[in-house]
Amino acid sequence: MRILFITNNFPPLVDGVGDYTYNLALEFVRHKHEVVVVCKRDERIDYHINGINIFPIVKAWNKQAIQPVINVIKERQIEVVSLQYVPHGFHPYGLPFALIGLVRAIRKQGVPLFTFCHEVCTFYGKGVKQDIISYMMRYITKKILINSNIIATSIKYYCELITILVPDYPSRIEQIPIVSNIPEKINSREEILSLRNKIAAKDEIIIAFFGQRNTIVSLEVIERLKRSGHKVKVLFIGKTDDTFTDLSDIVYKTGVLSIDEINPYFLVSDILVLPEDTYYGCSFKSGSLAAALKNGLPVVTAKGILTDSSMKDNENIIFVDFLNPLQLEESLVRLIRFPYIRERIGNAARLLVEKYNWETTYISYLDLINQLS
């Protein structure tokens, strides 16, 4: 099969959807398919990576992007197009109107379109301006989905939202959870011990954060833990903000890492704190969460409308309200004091996601594509 993936960014650019597309494309290559990717123009992107043919030809996702994409479809005799859709990925305000014209042009070529929604739209209730943007975003998403032969997304809530947007869609909206895009690096026990000693030389409990998130409340709580005598180290994995309270002596920052360098830092961590908005909560659309669970880390995060029912508090995850510092502090103290609780929750976390990987993601995509024939 000759398949074309459309995404905004692509490695080595740091982008979750780009990484997802890359890993999925690799699986299609591994199974002997011809894989083409169209993405935005950037001199850092190679034209050929591990069997993937890459066309970084889109200057901007506007009307001028349509014909170059169609040209690739014709020249490479593409049989299926997979749009990796996230509104803000294709437009700074999440309003990529030009994609409506693009998907219509793809359909005119007689090529099936498989749209995977990494996000569907923003939500109402955040002010008049944001409500207007959300309304327009829903309109764009609806038009894209109406022109799609296959629709899939990552979480149940998005499945339900898409069903509301396109109630007459003839097929079921499929759910394919996001899996970790961080490669498992095989490290020796000596390497892991050396890295852990580098970060926590006095055998402190390592509390990790991954990526750029609102860590203000979490750091205030950890500062109190430090003052009360708990031996902790804060590990910031990847790109982070430079605003720390009085914790500079217990903070270790990796800085920006290549995706192949990240996994050892999960392996040496004891706890991962993943601050989320209590309304939305954590979800399986997060590659960061998938990576932590896969590595058997006890994750402290928030529950909300996006959270899957398989995530159970104090069984395979810890839920807190990040606007309630005392609740967060109590949860961290319990995990710090009782290693068996960390181990129990971490083991259950690993079991929660063990059946999801890039092979199963590929199989899910292929099964849906084969239903078209």
Protein backbone atom coordinates (compact mmCIF):
# COMPACT_ATOMS: atom_id res chain seq x y z
CA MET A 1 0.00 0.00 0.00
CA ARG A 2 1.15 3.54 -0.75
CA ILE A 3 0.11 5.78 2.16
CA LEU A 4 0.58 9.51 2.65
CA PHE A 5 0.67 11.07 6.12
CA ILE A 6 -0.08 14.79 6.40
CA THR A 7 1.29 16.51 9.49
CA ASN A 8 2.49 20.00 10.35
CA ASN A 9 5.83 19.21 11.97
CA PHE A 10 8.14 16.24 11.64
CA PRO A 11 11.36 15.17 13.41
CA PRO A 12 13.86 16.48 14.26
CA LEU A 13 11.45 19.32 15.13
CA VAL A 14 10.10 18.88 18.66
CA ASP A 15 6.39 18.17 18.28
CA GLY A 16 4.18 15.48 19.79
CA VAL A 17 2.04 14.95 16.69
CA GLY A 18 5.14 14.94 14.49
CA ASP A 19 6.73 12.27 16.69
CA TYR A 20 3.50 10.25 16.59
CA THR A 21 3.43 10.45 12.79
CA TYR A 22 7.08 9.44 12.57
CA ASN A 23 6.67 6.36 14.77
CA LEU A 24 3.50 5.29 12.98
CA ALA A 25 5.15 5.79 9.60
CA LEU A 26 8.06 3.60 10.74
CA GLU A 27 5.63 0.78 11.52
CA PHE A 28 4.11 1.03 8.05
CA VAL A 29 7.62 0.92 6.54
CA ARG A 30 8.47 -2.08 8.71
CA HIS A 31 5.45 -3.88 7.26
CA LYS A 32 6.65 -3.18 3.69
CA HIS A 33 4.31 -0.32 2.79
CA GLU A 34 5.48 2.66 0.76
CA VAL A 35 5.26 5.67 3.09
CA VAL A 36 5.21 9.34 2.15
CA VAL A 37 4.94 12.31 4.54
CA VAL A 38 4.00 15.88 3.62
CA CYS A 39 4.78 18.53 6.22
CA LYS A 40 5.70 22.17 6.51
CA ARG A 41 8.89 23.48 4.97
CA ASP A 42 11.91 23.49 7.29
CA GLU A 43 15.55 23.08 6.34
CA ARG A 44 16.18 20.85 9.36
CA ILE A 45 13.87 18.13 8.04
CA ASP A 46 15.54 15.46 5.89
CA TYR A 47 13.90 14.12 2.73
CA HIS A 48 14.43 10.47 3.58
CA ILE A 49 14.54 8.92 7.05
CA ASN A 50 14.52 5.18 7.73
CA GLY A 51 12.58 4.35 4.58
CA ILE A 52 10.12 7.25 4.91
CA ASN A 53 9.92 9.62 1.93
CA ILE A 54 9.43 13.14 3.30
CA PHE A 55 8.21 16.19 1.40
CA PRO A 56 8.67 19.31 3.59
CA ILE A 57 7.02 21.47 0.95
CA VAL A 58 4.26 23.44 2.69
CA LYS A 59 5.21 27.04 3.38
CA ALA A 60 1.91 27.75 5.14
CA TRP A 61 -1.32 25.80 5.51
CA ASN A 62 -3.37 28.06 3.26
CA LYS A 63 -4.93 27.70 -0.20
CA GLN A 64 -1.47 27.60 -1.76
CA ALA A 65 -0.76 24.36 0.11
CA ILE A 66 -3.49 22.41 -1.66
CA GLN A 67 -1.96 21.90 -5.10
CA PRO A 68 1.50 20.78 -3.87
CA VAL A 69 -0.16 18.09 -1.73
CA ILE A 70 -2.34 16.96 -4.64
CA ASN A 71 0.74 16.84 -6.87
CA VAL A 72 2.43 14.44 -4.41
CA ILE A 73 -0.69 12.27 -4.33
CA LYS A 74 -0.68 12.04 -8.12
CA GLU A 75 3.07 11.62 -8.61
CA ARG A 76 3.44 8.95 -5.90
CA GLN A 77 0.14 7.24 -6.81
CA ILE A 78 -1.03 7.41 -3.21
CA GLU A 79 -3.76 4.93 -2.25
CA VAL A 80 -4.66 6.25 1.23
CA VAL A 81 -4.15 9.64 2.89
CA SER A 82 -3.88 9.91 6.68
CA LEU A 83 -4.43 13.43 8.05
CA GLN A 84 -2.91 13.79 11.52
CA TYR A 85 -5.26 16.54 12.62
CA VAL A 86 -4.79 18.96 15.48
CA PRO A 87 -6.34 22.42 14.93
CA HIS A 88 -3.53 24.46 16.51
CA GLY A 89 -0.91 22.47 14.63
CA PHE A 90 -2.11 23.84 11.31
CA HIS A 91 -3.01 27.38 12.43
CA PRO A 92 -1.86 29.54 15.38
CA TYR A 93 -5.45 30.15 16.51
CA GLY A 94 -6.64 26.64 15.70
CA LEU A 95 -8.60 27.80 12.65
CA PRO A 96 -7.11 26.05 9.60
CA PHE A 97 -9.92 26.89 7.16
CA ALA A 98 -7.69 25.93 4.22
CA LEU A 99 -7.78 22.28 5.32
CA ILE A 100 -11.45 22.15 4.28
CA GLY A 101 -10.38 22.84 0.71
CA LEU A 102 -7.53 20.37 1.02
CA VAL A 103 -9.67 17.44 2.14
CA ARG A 104 -12.24 18.20 -0.56
CA ALA A 105 -9.46 18.19 -3.15
CA ILE A 106 -8.20 14.86 -1.84
CA ARG A 107 -11.68 13.34 -2.13
CA LYS A 108 -11.92 14.59 -5.74
CA GLN A 109 -8.84 12.46 -6.49
CA GLY A 110 -10.79 9.40 -5.41
CA VAL A 111 -8.28 8.70 -2.64
CA PRO A 112 -9.69 7.58 0.75
CA LEU A 113 -9.02 9.96 3.65
CA PHE A 114 -8.30 8.68 7.16
CA THR A 115 -8.48 11.55 9.68
CA PHE A 116 -7.01 10.96 13.11
CA CYS A 117 -8.04 13.69 15.57
CA HIS A 118 -5.33 14.33 18.13
CA GLU A 119 -7.63 17.12 19.31
CA VAL A 120 -11.10 18.05 18.14
CA CYS A 121 -11.68 21.62 19.31
CA THR A 122 -11.39 23.94 22.26
CA PHE A 123 -14.30 24.21 24.69
CA TYR A 124 -16.88 26.86 25.40
CA GLY A 125 -17.07 28.90 28.59
CA LYS A 126 -13.76 30.78 28.52
CA GLY A 127 -15.05 34.16 27.36
CA VAL A 128 -16.77 35.55 24.29
CA LYS A 129 -13.66 35.60 22.08
CA GLN A 130 -12.70 32.03 22.94
CA ASP A 131 -16.29 30.87 22.47
CA ILE A 132 -16.33 32.35 18.96
CA ILE A 133 -13.02 30.65 18.16
CA SER A 134 -14.35 27.36 19.54
CA TYR A 135 -17.47 27.66 17.36
CA MET A 136 -15.41 28.27 14.21
CA MET A 137 -13.02 25.46 15.14
CA ARG A 138 -15.95 23.05 15.47
CA TYR A 139 -17.18 24.16 12.06
CA ILE A 140 -13.79 23.45 10.46
CA THR A 141 -13.42 20.09 12.19
CA LYS A 142 -16.94 19.08 11.14
CA LYS A 143 -16.23 19.92 7.48
CA ILE A 144 -12.99 17.93 7.58
CA LEU A 145 -14.68 14.93 9.16
CA ILE A 146 -17.62 14.97 6.73
CA ASN A 147 -15.07 14.55 3.93
CA SER A 148 -13.25 11.70 5.70
CA ASN A 149 -13.75 8.01 4.90
CA ILE A 150 -12.34 6.93 8.27
CA ILE A 151 -12.35 8.86 11.55
CA ALA A 152 -10.44 7.88 14.66
CA THR A 153 -9.27 9.63 17.79
CA SER A 154 -7.48 8.87 21.03
CA ILE A 155 -10.02 9.10 23.86
CA LYS A 156 -13.65 8.24 24.52
CA TYR A 157 -14.63 11.86 25.20
CA TYR A 158 -13.43 12.90 21.75
CA CYS A 159 -15.35 9.99 20.20
CA GLU A 160 -18.51 11.31 21.82
CA LEU A 161 -17.76 14.89 20.76
CA ILE A 162 -17.18 13.83 17.14
CA THR A 163 -20.45 11.92 17.17
CA ILE A 164 -22.20 15.15 18.13
CA LEU A 165 -20.41 17.08 15.36
CA VAL A 166 -21.19 14.50 12.65
CA PRO A 167 -24.29 12.62 13.89
CA ASP A 168 -25.03 11.17 10.46
CA TYR A 169 -21.57 9.68 9.94
CA PRO A 170 -22.19 6.12 8.71
CA SER A 171 -19.38 4.37 10.60
CA ARG A 172 -18.38 4.11 14.22
CA ILE A 173 -15.78 6.58 15.47
CA GLU A 174 -12.80 4.43 16.42
CA GLN A 175 -10.68 4.98 19.52
CA ILE A 176 -6.93 4.38 19.23
CA PRO A 177 -5.03 5.46 22.38
CA ILE A 178 -1.81 7.44 21.99
CA VAL A 179 1.22 5.35 22.93
CA SER A 180 4.61 6.46 24.15
CA ASN A 181 6.75 8.02 21.43
CA ILE A 182 9.87 7.73 23.57
CA PRO A 183 12.08 4.82 22.45
CA GLU A 184 13.03 2.29 25.10
CA LYS A 185 16.77 2.54 25.45
CA ILE A 186 18.55 -0.50 26.81
CA ASN A 187 20.77 0.67 29.66
CA SER A 188 22.91 -1.47 31.92
CA ARG A 189 22.30 -1.47 35.65
CA GLU A 190 25.61 0.36 36.07
CA GLU A 191 24.54 3.10 33.66
CA ILE A 192 21.24 3.62 35.45
CA LEU A 193 22.90 3.70 38.87
CA SER A 194 25.48 6.17 37.59
CA LEU A 195 22.79 8.49 36.21
CA ARG A 196 20.76 8.26 39.40
CA ASN A 197 23.83 9.04 41.50
CA LYS A 198 24.54 12.04 39.27
CA ILE A 199 21.07 13.43 39.98
CA ALA A 200 20.56 12.29 43.57
CA ALA A 201 23.96 11.59 45.09
CA LYS A 202 22.50 11.26 48.60
CA ASP A 203 19.84 8.78 47.49
CA GLU A 204 17.06 11.34 47.57
CA ILE A 205 13.59 10.56 46.22
CA ILE A 206 13.50 11.88 42.65
CA ILE A 207 10.28 13.72 41.78
CA ALA A 208 10.20 14.27 38.02
CA PHE A 209 8.39 16.67 35.71
CA PHE A 210 8.30 16.23 31.96
CA GLY A 211 7.94 19.08 29.47
CA GLN A 212 6.56 22.57 29.93
CA ARG A 213 3.65 22.64 32.35
CA ASN A 214 2.30 24.83 35.12
CA THR A 215 4.43 23.66 38.04
CA ILE A 216 3.96 26.63 40.41
CA VAL A 217 1.78 24.87 43.00
CA SER A 218 3.80 21.65 42.76
CA LEU A 219 7.08 23.46 43.42
CA GLU A 220 5.60 25.34 46.37
CA VAL A 221 4.54 22.01 47.86
CA ILE A 222 7.97 20.44 47.23
CA GLU A 223 9.59 23.46 48.87
CA ARG A 224 7.54 22.75 52.00
CA LEU A 225 8.58 19.11 51.86
CA LYS A 226 12.20 20.18 51.70
CA ARG A 227 11.81 22.52 54.69
CA SER A 228 10.15 19.76 56.71
CA GLY A 229 13.16 17.50 56.19
CA HIS A 230 12.15 15.20 53.32
CA LYS A 231 15.09 14.16 51.16
CA VAL A 232 13.89 14.95 47.66
CA LYS A 233 15.36 15.97 44.31
CA VAL A 234 13.38 17.66 41.53
CA LEU A 235 14.14 16.41 38.03
CA PHE A 236 12.99 18.47 35.06
CA ILE A 237 13.09 16.35 31.91
CA GLY A 238 13.23 18.25 28.63
CA LYS A 239 12.54 21.91 28.00
CA THR A 240 11.21 23.72 31.06
CA ASP A 241 10.66 27.22 32.42
CA ASP A 242 13.46 28.75 34.46
CA THR A 243 11.27 30.02 37.28
CA PHE A 244 12.05 28.13 40.48
CA THR A 245 11.36 29.26 44.03
CA ASP A 246 14.05 28.42 46.61
CA LEU A 247 14.75 25.00 45.17
CA SER A 248 17.83 25.62 43.04
CA ASP A 249 19.96 23.40 45.30
CA ILE A 250 17.68 20.37 44.77
CA VAL A 251 16.75 20.91 41.11
CA TYR A 252 18.34 19.00 38.25
CA LYS A 253 17.46 20.07 34.70
CA THR A 254 18.30 17.93 31.70
CA GLY A 255 17.65 20.73 29.21
CA VAL A 256 16.39 19.95 25.73
CA LEU A 257 17.02 16.30 24.85
CA SER A 258 16.74 14.30 21.69
CA ILE A 259 13.92 11.79 21.90
CA ASP A 260 16.44 8.92 22.15
CA GLU A 261 17.96 10.42 25.32
CA ILE A 262 14.78 10.73 27.40
CA ASN A 263 13.90 7.24 28.62
CA PRO A 264 16.81 6.73 31.08
CA TYR A 265 15.53 9.72 33.08
CA PHE A 266 12.17 7.99 33.51
CA LEU A 267 13.98 4.88 34.68
CA VAL A 268 15.81 6.73 37.49
CA SER A 269 12.75 8.67 38.68
CA ASP A 270 10.65 7.62 41.67
CA ILE A 271 7.53 9.75 41.06
CA LEU A 272 6.25 11.72 38.09
CA VAL A 273 4.09 14.77 38.70
CA LEU A 274 1.94 15.67 35.70
CA PRO A 275 0.03 18.87 36.52
CA GLU A 276 -3.28 19.09 34.67
CA ASP A 277 -6.37 21.26 34.80
CA THR A 278 -8.91 19.63 37.12
CA TYR A 279 -11.74 20.21 34.64
CA TYR A 280 -10.06 18.40 31.73
CA GLY A 281 -7.73 16.05 33.62
CA CYS A 282 -5.14 13.63 32.26
CA SER A 283 -5.94 11.41 29.31
CA PHE A 284 -4.64 8.85 26.84
CA LYS A 285 -4.09 11.61 24.28
CA SER A 286 -0.91 12.44 26.21
CA GLY A 287 2.32 10.80 25.08
CA SER A 288 3.94 12.03 28.31
CA LEU A 289 1.46 10.09 30.40
CA ALA A 290 1.84 7.01 28.21
CA ALA A 291 5.63 7.13 28.61
CA ALA A 292 5.42 7.40 32.39
CA LEU A 293 2.90 4.58 32.73
CA LYS A 294 4.91 2.37 30.38
CA ASN A 295 7.96 2.84 32.59
CA GLY A 296 6.02 1.84 35.69
CA LEU A 297 6.13 5.23 37.36
CA PRO A 298 3.54 6.25 39.94
CA VAL A 299 1.99 9.34 38.34
CA VAL A 300 0.44 12.16 40.34
CA THR A 301 -1.99 14.04 38.11
CA ALA A 302 -5.59 15.29 37.89
CA LYS A 303 -8.85 13.62 36.93
CA GLY A 304 -11.32 15.36 34.62
CA ILE A 305 -13.75 14.96 31.73
CA LEU A 306 -11.04 13.60 29.42
CA THR A 307 -9.84 10.93 31.87
CA ASP A 308 -10.51 7.32 30.96
CA SER A 309 -12.40 5.18 33.46
CA SER A 310 -9.60 2.58 33.40
CA MET A 311 -7.44 5.02 35.37
CA LYS A 312 -8.28 4.35 39.00
CA ASP A 313 -7.14 6.51 41.88
CA ASN A 314 -4.69 4.83 44.25
CA GLU A 315 -4.67 1.71 42.07
CA ASN A 316 -2.74 2.62 38.92
CA ILE A 317 -2.49 6.41 39.31
CA ILE A 318 -2.83 9.14 41.93
CA PHE A 319 -5.40 11.89 41.38
CA VAL A 320 -5.14 15.26 43.09
CA ASP A 321 -6.53 18.74 42.68
CA PHE A 322 -3.56 20.97 41.80
CA LEU A 323 -5.45 23.94 43.25
CA ASN A 324 -5.39 22.15 46.62
CA PRO A 325 -1.75 22.21 47.82
CA LEU A 326 -2.51 20.25 50.99
CA GLN A 327 -3.98 17.36 49.01
CA LEU A 328 -0.95 17.29 46.72
CA GLU A 329 1.40 17.42 49.70
CA GLU A 330 -0.35 14.52 51.43
CA SER A 331 -0.14 12.39 48.30
CA LEU A 332 3.56 13.10 47.77
CA VAL A 333 4.41 12.46 51.43
CA ARG A 334 2.69 9.07 51.26
CA LEU A 335 4.61 8.11 48.11
CA ILE A 336 7.90 9.35 49.58
CA ARG A 337 7.50 7.47 52.86
CA PHE A 338 6.20 4.17 51.52
CA PRO A 339 8.19 2.65 48.64
CA TYR A 340 5.84 -0.35 48.47
CA ILE A 341 3.00 2.02 47.50
CA ARG A 342 5.14 3.47 44.71
CA GLU A 343 5.94 -0.04 43.52
CA ARG A 344 2.32 -1.23 43.66
CA ILE A 345 0.93 1.73 41.75
CA GLY A 346 3.82 1.70 39.28
CA ASN A 347 3.33 -1.98 38.47
CA ALA A 348 -0.39 -1.46 37.94
CA ALA A 349 0.38 1.56 35.74
CA ARG A 350 2.60 -0.58 33.52
CA LEU A 351 -0.15 -3.18 33.16
CA LEU A 352 -2.63 -0.46 32.21
CA VAL A 353 -0.79 0.35 28.98
CA GLU A 354 1.13 -2.84 28.23
CA LYS A 355 -1.19 -3.87 25.39
CA TYR A 356 -0.72 -0.56 23.58
CA ASN A 357 2.34 -0.07 21.38
CA TRP A 358 3.21 1.00 17.84
CA GLU A 359 2.51 -2.48 16.50
CA THR A 360 -1.04 -2.48 17.90
CA THR A 361 -1.52 1.10 16.67
CA TYR A 362 -0.46 0.04 13.17
CA ILE A 363 -2.83 -2.95 13.28
CA SER A 364 -5.71 -0.66 14.31
CA TYR A 365 -4.99 1.68 11.40
CA LEU A 366 -4.65 -1.19 8.94
CA ASP A 367 -7.87 -2.86 10.06
CA LEU A 368 -9.79 0.36 9.48
CA ILE A 369 -8.19 0.90 6.07
CA ASN A 370 -8.92 -2.69 5.01
CA GLN A 371 -12.61 -2.17 5.81
CA LEU A 372 -12.77 0.27 2.89
CA SER A 373 -12.05 -2.47 0.34
